[in-house]
């Protein structure tokens, strides 16, 4: 299974390095050597992370013009090639489709998307004809079982961080 690692934003310098908006943990770029870019396997020659962005030099990009041609391309990696996640970290793909419940068993909804605008991941939870955006912050989700596709939320903390009307 392939995971989206990031989207190339622009060239960085004149020697073919690119600036990447991470769609997963930006440190992954430093931990692996082979990725898929534009439908081809390419090697990462070096990578660094600064201010939440990954700066990567691929073996197939050696100048600014070539780097420019890769603008907006998505970088993929095989999930099993990535390092193990730390406690409390999850792949977006594993969370999509999880059902969210309060501890009393009442269903909140199903995670249909995850967005990130820099501060925290926002789970888009679909219920009925509406959706709720809930940040992934301390105390909101007390249990996450991606294998069972089930998440338990603390009702009080959930209502504090969302503008969800339960009626």
C-alpha atoms as a PDB file:
ATOM      1  CA  UNK A   1       0.000   0.000   0.000  1.00  0.00           C
ATOM      2  CA  UNK A   2       1.341   3.414  -0.969  1.00  0.00           C
ATOM      3  CA  UNK A   3       1.212   6.437   1.331  1.00  0.00           C
ATOM      4  CA  UNK A   4       1.258  10.054   0.135  1.00  0.00           C
ATOM      5  CA  UNK A   5       4.319  11.597   1.738  1.00  0.00           C
ATOM      6  CA  UNK A   6       4.017  15.105   0.371  1.00  0.00           C
ATOM      7  CA  UNK A   7       3.413  17.522  -2.481  1.00  0.00           C
ATOM      8  CA  UNK A   8       6.265  19.339  -4.191  1.00  0.00           C
ATOM      9  CA  UNK A   9       5.743  23.074  -3.780  1.00  0.00           C
ATOM     10  CA  UNK A  10       8.658  24.591  -5.684  1.00  0.00           C
ATOM     11  CA  UNK A  11      12.342  24.381  -6.527  1.00  0.00           C
ATOM     12  CA  UNK A  12      14.738  25.245  -3.711  1.00  0.00           C
ATOM     13  CA  UNK A  13      17.983  26.664  -5.041  1.00  0.00           C
ATOM     14  CA  UNK A  14      19.636  25.857  -8.361  1.00  0.00           C
ATOM     15  CA  UNK A  15      20.926  22.296  -7.842  1.00  0.00           C
ATOM     16  CA  UNK A  16      17.601  20.433  -8.067  1.00  0.00           C
ATOM     17  CA  UNK A  17      16.441  20.422  -4.457  1.00  0.00           C
ATOM     18  CA  UNK A  18      12.678  20.866  -3.941  1.00  0.00           C
ATOM     19  CA  UNK A  19      10.526  22.163  -1.098  1.00  0.00           C
ATOM     20  CA  UNK A  20       7.786  19.704  -0.113  1.00  0.00           C
ATOM     21  CA  UNK A  21       4.596  20.204   1.869  1.00  0.00           C
ATOM     22  CA  UNK A  22       4.420  17.024   3.975  1.00  0.00           C
ATOM     23  CA  UNK A  23       1.164  15.072   3.854  1.00  0.00           C
ATOM     24  CA  UNK A  24       2.531  12.788   6.576  1.00  0.00           C
ATOM     25  CA  UNK A  25       5.449  12.932   9.004  1.00  0.00           C
ATOM     26  CA  UNK A  26       8.125  15.118   7.334  1.00  0.00           C
ATOM     27  CA  UNK A  27      10.853  13.089   9.067  1.00  0.00           C
ATOM     28  CA  UNK A  28       9.978  10.136   6.805  1.00  0.00           C
ATOM     29  CA  UNK A  29      11.913  11.846   4.006  1.00  0.00           C
ATOM     30  CA  UNK A  30      15.094  11.510   6.094  1.00  0.00           C
ATOM     31  CA  UNK A  31      14.404   7.861   6.972  1.00  0.00           C
ATOM     32  CA  UNK A  32      13.862   6.304   3.539  1.00  0.00           C
ATOM     33  CA  UNK A  33      15.798   6.215   0.286  1.00  0.00           C
ATOM     34  CA  UNK A  34      13.287   5.087  -2.351  1.00  0.00           C
ATOM     35  CA  UNK A  35       9.999   6.794  -3.244  1.00  0.00           C
ATOM     36  CA  UNK A  36       7.639   7.055  -6.179  1.00  0.00           C
ATOM     37  CA  UNK A  37       7.504  10.344  -8.064  1.00  0.00           C
ATOM     38  CA  UNK A  38       5.528  10.903 -11.241  1.00  0.00           C
ATOM     39  CA  UNK A  39       4.953   7.155 -11.612  1.00  0.00           C
ATOM     40  CA  UNK A  40       8.648   6.214 -11.335  1.00  0.00           C
ATOM     41  CA  UNK A  41      10.818   4.920  -8.514  1.00  0.00           C
ATOM     42  CA  UNK A  42      13.376   7.560  -7.558  1.00  0.00           C
ATOM     43  CA  UNK A  43      16.063   7.778  -4.905  1.00  0.00           C
ATOM     44  CA  UNK A  44      16.357  10.422  -2.220  1.00  0.00           C
ATOM     45  CA  UNK A  45      19.950  11.663  -2.190  1.00  0.00           C
ATOM     46  CA  UNK A  46      19.458  13.823   0.901  1.00  0.00           C
ATOM     47  CA  UNK A  47      16.632  15.395   2.875  1.00  0.00           C
ATOM     48  CA  UNK A  48      16.198  17.887   5.674  1.00  0.00           C
ATOM     49  CA  UNK A  49      13.244  19.257   7.601  1.00  0.00           C
ATOM     50  CA  UNK A  50      12.867  22.932   8.462  1.00  0.00           C
ATOM     51  CA  UNK A  51       9.836  24.812   9.753  1.00  0.00           C
ATOM     52  CA  UNK A  52       7.516  21.913   8.949  1.00  0.00           C
ATOM     53  CA  UNK A  53       8.623  21.522   5.327  1.00  0.00           C
ATOM     54  CA  UNK A  54      10.829  18.842   3.794  1.00  0.00           C
ATOM     55  CA  UNK A  55      13.683  19.868   1.509  1.00  0.00           C
ATOM     56  CA  UNK A  56      14.651  16.958  -0.710  1.00  0.00           C
ATOM     57  CA  UNK A  57      17.178  16.239  -3.423  1.00  0.00           C
ATOM     58  CA  UNK A  58      16.065  13.404  -5.722  1.00  0.00           C
ATOM     59  CA  UNK A  59      18.484  11.596  -8.040  1.00  0.00           C
ATOM     60  CA  UNK A  60      16.379  12.479 -11.112  1.00  0.00           C
ATOM     61  CA  UNK A  61      16.316  16.240 -10.470  1.00  0.00           C
ATOM     62  CA  UNK A  62      19.621  18.031 -10.986  1.00  0.00           C
ATOM     63  CA  UNK A  63      18.737  21.621 -11.850  1.00  0.00           C
ATOM     64  CA  UNK A  64      16.152  24.293 -11.142  1.00  0.00           C
ATOM     65  CA  UNK A  65      14.315  23.881 -14.481  1.00  0.00           C
ATOM     66  CA  UNK A  66      13.811  20.152 -13.942  1.00  0.00           C
ATOM     67  CA  UNK A  67      12.720  20.825 -10.362  1.00  0.00           C
ATOM     68  CA  UNK A  68      10.155  23.321 -11.656  1.00  0.00           C
ATOM     69  CA  UNK A  69       8.637  20.615 -13.886  1.00  0.00           C
ATOM     70  CA  UNK A  70       7.823  18.578 -10.758  1.00  0.00           C
ATOM     71  CA  UNK A  71       5.836  21.368  -9.068  1.00  0.00           C
ATOM     72  CA  UNK A  72       2.576  20.021  -7.498  1.00  0.00           C
ATOM     73  CA  UNK A  73       3.595  16.376  -8.008  1.00  0.00           C
ATOM     74  CA  UNK A  74       2.843  13.971  -5.152  1.00  0.00           C
ATOM     75  CA  UNK A  75       5.620  11.886  -3.599  1.00  0.00           C
ATOM     76  CA  UNK A  76       4.578   8.357  -2.522  1.00  0.00           C
ATOM     77  CA  UNK A  77       6.237   5.605  -0.507  1.00  0.00           C
ATOM     78  CA  UNK A  78       5.364   2.024   0.304  1.00  0.00           C
ATOM     79  CA  UNK A  79       3.791   1.952   3.765  1.00  0.00           C
ATOM     80  CA  UNK A  80       5.877  -1.000   4.911  1.00  0.00           C
ATOM     81  CA  UNK A  81       9.097   0.853   3.935  1.00  0.00           C
ATOM     82  CA  UNK A  82       8.354   3.612   6.444  1.00  0.00           C
ATOM     83  CA  UNK A  83       9.659   3.510  10.002  1.00  0.00           C
ATOM     84  CA  UNK A  84       7.350   2.432  12.809  1.00  0.00           C
ATOM     85  CA  UNK A  85       5.119   5.145  14.185  1.00  0.00           C
ATOM     86  CA  UNK A  86       5.423   6.370  17.746  1.00  0.00           C
ATOM     87  CA  UNK A  87       2.691   5.935  20.351  1.00  0.00           C
ATOM     88  CA  UNK A  88      -0.299   8.106  19.414  1.00  0.00           C
ATOM     89  CA  UNK A  89       0.719   8.477  15.762  1.00  0.00           C
ATOM     90  CA  UNK A  90      -1.356   7.049  12.928  1.00  0.00           C
ATOM     91  CA  UNK A  91      -1.406   7.028   9.160  1.00  0.00           C
ATOM     92  CA  UNK A  92      -4.282   9.056   7.761  1.00  0.00           C
ATOM     93  CA  UNK A  93      -5.347   6.080   5.657  1.00  0.00           C
ATOM     94  CA  UNK A  94      -5.746   3.990   8.806  1.00  0.00           C
ATOM     95  CA  UNK A  95      -8.025   6.596  10.417  1.00  0.00           C
ATOM     96  CA  UNK A  96     -10.279   7.203   7.407  1.00  0.00           C
ATOM     97  CA  UNK A  97     -13.363   5.033   7.807  1.00  0.00           C
ATOM     98  CA  UNK A  98     -13.054   4.710  11.588  1.00  0.00           C
ATOM     99  CA  UNK A  99     -16.325   5.153  13.451  1.00  0.00           C
ATOM    100  CA  UNK A 100     -16.288   7.564  16.381  1.00  0.00           C
ATOM    101  CA  UNK A 101     -18.335   6.825  19.501  1.00  0.00           C
ATOM    102  CA  UNK A 102     -18.745   8.430  22.896  1.00  0.00           C
ATOM    103  CA  UNK A 103     -17.788   6.221  25.845  1.00  0.00           C
ATOM    104  CA  UNK A 104     -21.485   5.459  26.488  1.00  0.00           C
ATOM    105  CA  UNK A 105     -21.726   3.836  23.027  1.00  0.00           C
ATOM    106  CA  UNK A 106     -23.543   6.653  21.207  1.00  0.00           C
ATOM    107  CA  UNK A 107     -22.222   7.001  17.677  1.00  0.00           C
ATOM    108  CA  UNK A 108     -20.801  10.389  16.716  1.00  0.00           C
ATOM    109  CA  UNK A 109     -20.064   9.527  13.074  1.00  0.00           C
ATOM    110  CA  UNK A 110     -17.390   8.265  10.699  1.00  0.00           C
ATOM    111  CA  UNK A 111     -14.083   9.902   9.811  1.00  0.00           C
ATOM    112  CA  UNK A 112     -14.228  10.705   6.095  1.00  0.00           C
ATOM    113  CA  UNK A 113     -11.236  13.035   5.765  1.00  0.00           C
ATOM    114  CA  UNK A 114      -8.339  14.518   7.677  1.00  0.00           C
ATOM    115  CA  UNK A 115      -7.159  18.058   7.083  1.00  0.00           C
ATOM    116  CA  UNK A 116      -4.235  19.980   8.480  1.00  0.00           C
ATOM    117  CA  UNK A 117      -3.731  23.726   8.403  1.00  0.00           C
ATOM    118  CA  UNK A 118      -0.614  23.702  10.562  1.00  0.00           C
ATOM    119  CA  UNK A 119      -1.821  23.612  14.159  1.00  0.00           C
ATOM    120  CA  UNK A 120      -3.428  20.177  14.513  1.00  0.00           C
ATOM    121  CA  UNK A 121      -4.959  17.498  12.356  1.00  0.00           C
ATOM    122  CA  UNK A 122      -8.686  18.037  11.902  1.00  0.00           C
ATOM    123  CA  UNK A 123     -10.839  14.938  11.659  1.00  0.00           C
ATOM    124  CA  UNK A 124     -13.843  15.458   9.394  1.00  0.00           C
ATOM    125  CA  UNK A 125     -16.530  13.312  10.969  1.00  0.00           C
ATOM    126  CA  UNK A 126     -19.634  12.619   8.894  1.00  0.00           C
ATOM    127  CA  UNK A 127     -22.996  11.929  10.495  1.00  0.00           C
ATOM    128  CA  UNK A 128     -26.274  12.019   8.630  1.00  0.00           C
ATOM    129  CA  UNK A 129     -26.255  14.982   6.274  1.00  0.00           C
ATOM    130  CA  UNK A 130     -23.620  17.022   8.078  1.00  0.00           C
ATOM    131  CA  UNK A 131     -19.952  16.939   8.975  1.00  0.00           C
ATOM    132  CA  UNK A 132     -18.035  18.041  12.037  1.00  0.00           C
ATOM    133  CA  UNK A 133     -14.403  19.159  12.147  1.00  0.00           C
ATOM    134  CA  UNK A 134     -12.729  18.012  15.334  1.00  0.00           C
ATOM    135  CA  UNK A 135      -9.052  18.681  16.088  1.00  0.00           C
ATOM    136  CA  UNK A 136      -6.837  15.810  17.165  1.00  0.00           C
ATOM    137  CA  UNK A 137      -5.769  17.346  20.473  1.00  0.00           C
ATOM    138  CA  UNK A 138      -5.150  16.019  23.973  1.00  0.00           C
ATOM    139  CA  UNK A 139      -8.091  14.532  25.793  1.00  0.00           C
ATOM    140  CA  UNK A 140     -10.578  14.355  22.899  1.00  0.00           C
ATOM    141  CA  UNK A 141     -10.009  10.771  21.804  1.00  0.00           C
ATOM    142  CA  UNK A 142      -9.470   8.303  24.632  1.00  0.00           C
ATOM    143  CA  UNK A 143      -9.109   5.118  22.553  1.00  0.00           C
ATOM    144  CA  UNK A 144      -8.105   4.600  18.935  1.00  0.00           C
ATOM    145  CA  UNK A 145      -8.224   1.106  17.465  1.00  0.00           C
ATOM    146  CA  UNK A 146      -7.472   1.314  13.752  1.00  0.00           C
ATOM    147  CA  UNK A 147      -7.721  -2.456  13.314  1.00  0.00           C
ATOM    148  CA  UNK A 148     -11.328  -2.452  14.579  1.00  0.00           C
ATOM    149  CA  UNK A 149     -11.924   0.948  12.900  1.00  0.00           C
ATOM    150  CA  UNK A 150     -13.281   2.293  16.200  1.00  0.00           C
ATOM    151  CA  UNK A 151     -12.468   5.470  18.111  1.00  0.00           C
ATOM    152  CA  UNK A 152     -13.821   6.520  21.506  1.00  0.00           C
ATOM    153  CA  UNK A 153     -14.236  10.240  22.213  1.00  0.00           C
ATOM    154  CA  UNK A 154     -14.665  12.013  25.524  1.00  0.00           C
ATOM    155  CA  UNK A 155     -18.066  13.741  25.179  1.00  0.00           C
ATOM    156  CA  UNK A 156     -17.161  16.797  27.298  1.00  0.00           C
ATOM    157  CA  UNK A 157     -13.797  17.421  25.630  1.00  0.00           C
ATOM    158  CA  UNK A 158     -15.275  16.757  22.171  1.00  0.00           C
ATOM    159  CA  UNK A 159     -17.948  19.411  22.722  1.00  0.00           C
ATOM    160  CA  UNK A 160     -15.324  21.880  23.994  1.00  0.00           C
ATOM    161  CA  UNK A 161     -13.275  21.719  20.799  1.00  0.00           C
ATOM    162  CA  UNK A 162     -16.061  21.465  18.220  1.00  0.00           C
ATOM    163  CA  UNK A 163     -19.122  23.493  17.395  1.00  0.00           C
ATOM    164  CA  UNK A 164     -21.189  20.375  17.048  1.00  0.00           C
ATOM    165  CA  UNK A 165     -24.912  20.637  17.729  1.00  0.00           C
ATOM    166  CA  UNK A 166     -26.205  17.192  18.670  1.00  0.00           C
ATOM    167  CA  UNK A 167     -29.860  17.981  17.873  1.00  0.00           C
END
